[in-house]
Amino acid sequence: MVSRAVLNCQKIMRWLAKEGYMKHVHLKELKKAIVWNIGCDKRTIDRYIEALQLLEYITEIGNGVYQLNYVKVPGALETLVKGGEQKKLM
């Protein structure tokens, strides 16, 4: 049985894939994904960023830039294959 937190993390990752983030995402866009899918409380955002890192769905590679790991997320790879190009990081 998978916890609700893990399911929510997978939901966030699928949303990022649907929005076109294939390899990297900026912290601002990651926060936006959490707000759209889970909630907008600052503690919620911080906890889900920590959970995504703990589950190895994301890895911080620079100042506010995260590398995405879709291998463990069911359904996300199919979305990426159907999608277009990586969105530009601003």
C-alpha atoms as a PDB file:
ATOM      1  CA  MET A   1       0.000   0.000   0.000  1.00  0.00           C
ATOM      2  CA  VAL A   2       1.344   3.405  -1.008  1.00  0.00           C
ATOM      3  CA  SER A   3       0.883   6.466   1.186  1.00  0.00           C
ATOM      4  CA  ARG A   4      -1.101   9.503   0.104  1.00  0.00           C
ATOM      5  CA  ALA A   5       2.086  11.599   0.207  1.00  0.00           C
ATOM      6  CA  VAL A   6       3.795   9.317  -2.339  1.00  0.00           C
ATOM      7  CA  LEU A   7       0.713   9.395  -4.583  1.00  0.00           C
ATOM      8  CA  ASN A   8       0.677  13.193  -4.362  1.00  0.00           C
ATOM      9  CA  CYS A   9       4.381  13.341  -5.268  1.00  0.00           C
ATOM     10  CA  GLN A  10       3.676  11.187  -8.320  1.00  0.00           C
ATOM     11  CA  LYS A  11       0.780  13.495  -9.207  1.00  0.00           C
ATOM     12  CA  ILE A  12       3.127  16.504  -9.052  1.00  0.00           C
ATOM     13  CA  MET A  13       5.664  14.750 -11.278  1.00  0.00           C
ATOM     14  CA  ARG A  14       2.993  13.797 -13.846  1.00  0.00           C
ATOM     15  CA  TRP A  15       1.804  17.432 -13.878  1.00  0.00           C
ATOM     16  CA  LEU A  16       5.362  18.629 -14.523  1.00  0.00           C
ATOM     17  CA  ALA A  17       5.671  16.129 -17.389  1.00  0.00           C
ATOM     18  CA  LYS A  18       2.357  17.297 -18.848  1.00  0.00           C
ATOM     19  CA  GLU A  19       3.528  20.918 -18.645  1.00  0.00           C
ATOM     20  CA  GLY A  20       6.663  20.076 -20.643  1.00  0.00           C
ATOM     21  CA  TYR A  21       9.395  19.869 -18.012  1.00  0.00           C
ATOM     22  CA  MET A  22      11.457  16.938 -19.265  1.00  0.00           C
ATOM     23  CA  LYS A  23      14.826  17.248 -17.513  1.00  0.00           C
ATOM     24  CA  HIS A  24      14.961  20.305 -15.269  1.00  0.00           C
ATOM     25  CA  VAL A  25      12.585  22.605 -13.420  1.00  0.00           C
ATOM     26  CA  HIS A  26      13.112  25.902 -11.615  1.00  0.00           C
ATOM     27  CA  LEU A  27      12.038  26.214  -7.975  1.00  0.00           C
ATOM     28  CA  LYS A  28       9.326  28.742  -8.897  1.00  0.00           C
ATOM     29  CA  GLU A  29       7.711  26.298 -11.323  1.00  0.00           C
ATOM     30  CA  LEU A  30       8.078  23.425  -8.844  1.00  0.00           C
ATOM     31  CA  LYS A  31       6.241  25.482  -6.237  1.00  0.00           C
ATOM     32  CA  LYS A  32       3.560  26.286  -8.806  1.00  0.00           C
ATOM     33  CA  ALA A  33       3.086  22.559  -9.477  1.00  0.00           C
ATOM     34  CA  ILE A  34       2.657  21.879  -5.761  1.00  0.00           C
ATOM     35  CA  VAL A  35       0.161  24.734  -5.374  1.00  0.00           C
ATOM     36  CA  TRP A  36      -1.893  23.556  -8.363  1.00  0.00           C
ATOM     37  CA  ASN A  37      -2.006  19.936  -7.199  1.00  0.00           C
ATOM     38  CA  ILE A  38      -1.757  19.901  -3.394  1.00  0.00           C
ATOM     39  CA  GLY A  39      -2.110  23.259  -1.661  1.00  0.00           C
ATOM     40  CA  CYS A  40      -0.586  26.687  -1.194  1.00  0.00           C
ATOM     41  CA  ASP A  41       0.447  26.692   2.466  1.00  0.00           C
ATOM     42  CA  LYS A  42       4.183  27.414   2.802  1.00  0.00           C
ATOM     43  CA  ARG A  43       4.669  24.386   5.076  1.00  0.00           C
ATOM     44  CA  THR A  44       2.956  22.148   2.511  1.00  0.00           C
ATOM     45  CA  ILE A  45       5.202  23.424  -0.269  1.00  0.00           C
ATOM     46  CA  ASP A  46       8.352  22.930   1.819  1.00  0.00           C
ATOM     47  CA  ARG A  47       7.308  19.430   2.902  1.00  0.00           C
ATOM     48  CA  TYR A  48       6.545  18.281  -0.629  1.00  0.00           C
ATOM     49  CA  ILE A  49       9.842  19.623  -1.964  1.00  0.00           C
ATOM     50  CA  GLU A  50      11.570  17.669   0.805  1.00  0.00           C
ATOM     51  CA  ALA A  51       9.488  14.547   0.059  1.00  0.00           C
ATOM     52  CA  LEU A  52      10.250  14.753  -3.671  1.00  0.00           C
ATOM     53  CA  GLN A  53      13.967  14.896  -2.855  1.00  0.00           C
ATOM     54  CA  LEU A  54      13.732  12.061  -0.332  1.00  0.00           C
ATOM     55  CA  LEU A  55      11.940   9.832  -2.855  1.00  0.00           C
ATOM     56  CA  GLU A  56      14.611  10.769  -5.434  1.00  0.00           C
ATOM     57  CA  TYR A  57      12.056  12.219  -7.852  1.00  0.00           C
ATOM     58  CA  ILE A  58      14.065  15.466  -7.926  1.00  0.00           C
ATOM     59  CA  THR A  59      17.692  16.393  -7.222  1.00  0.00           C
ATOM     60  CA  GLU A  60      18.922  19.948  -6.716  1.00  0.00           C
ATOM     61  CA  ILE A  61      21.649  20.640  -9.263  1.00  0.00           C
ATOM     62  CA  GLY A  62      22.058  24.372  -8.893  1.00  0.00           C
ATOM     63  CA  ASN A  63      20.705  27.485  -7.287  1.00  0.00           C
ATOM     64  CA  GLY A  64      16.974  26.785  -7.440  1.00  0.00           C
ATOM     65  CA  VAL A  65      17.188  24.321 -10.345  1.00  0.00           C
ATOM     66  CA  TYR A  66      16.153  20.697  -9.938  1.00  0.00           C
ATOM     67  CA  GLN A  67      16.804  17.677 -12.127  1.00  0.00           C
ATOM     68  CA  LEU A  68      13.731  15.499 -12.652  1.00  0.00           C
ATOM     69  CA  ASN A  69      13.752  11.693 -12.402  1.00  0.00           C
ATOM     70  CA  TYR A  70      10.635  10.238 -14.031  1.00  0.00           C
ATOM     71  CA  VAL A  71      11.770   6.597 -13.945  1.00  0.00           C
ATOM     72  CA  LYS A  72       9.922   5.832 -10.685  1.00  0.00           C
ATOM     73  CA  VAL A  73       6.713   7.662 -11.667  1.00  0.00           C
ATOM     74  CA  PRO A  74       4.017   5.528 -13.337  1.00  0.00           C
ATOM     75  CA  GLY A  75       2.554   7.198 -16.415  1.00  0.00           C
ATOM     76  CA  ALA A  76       5.024  10.080 -16.575  1.00  0.00           C
ATOM     77  CA  LEU A  77       7.330   8.573 -19.200  1.00  0.00           C
ATOM     78  CA  GLU A  78       4.412   8.052 -21.593  1.00  0.00           C
ATOM     79  CA  THR A  79       3.494  11.719 -21.199  1.00  0.00           C
ATOM     80  CA  LEU A  80       7.073  12.751 -21.955  1.00  0.00           C
ATOM     81  CA  VAL A  81       7.207  10.611 -25.096  1.00  0.00           C
ATOM     82  CA  LYS A  82       4.007  12.223 -26.403  1.00  0.00           C
ATOM     83  CA  GLY A  83       5.144  15.728 -25.414  1.00  0.00           C
ATOM     84  CA  GLY A  84       7.356  18.173 -27.214  1.00  0.00           C
ATOM     85  CA  GLU A  85      10.509  19.918 -26.075  1.00  0.00           C
ATOM     86  CA  GLN A  86      11.843  20.898 -22.656  1.00  0.00           C
ATOM     87  CA  LYS A  87      10.478  24.240 -21.500  1.00  0.00           C
ATOM     88  CA  LYS A  88      13.047  27.002 -21.252  1.00  0.00           C
ATOM     89  CA  LEU A  89      14.184  27.819 -17.721  1.00  0.00           C
ATOM     90  CA  MET A  90      14.091  31.525 -17.000  1.00  0.00           C
END
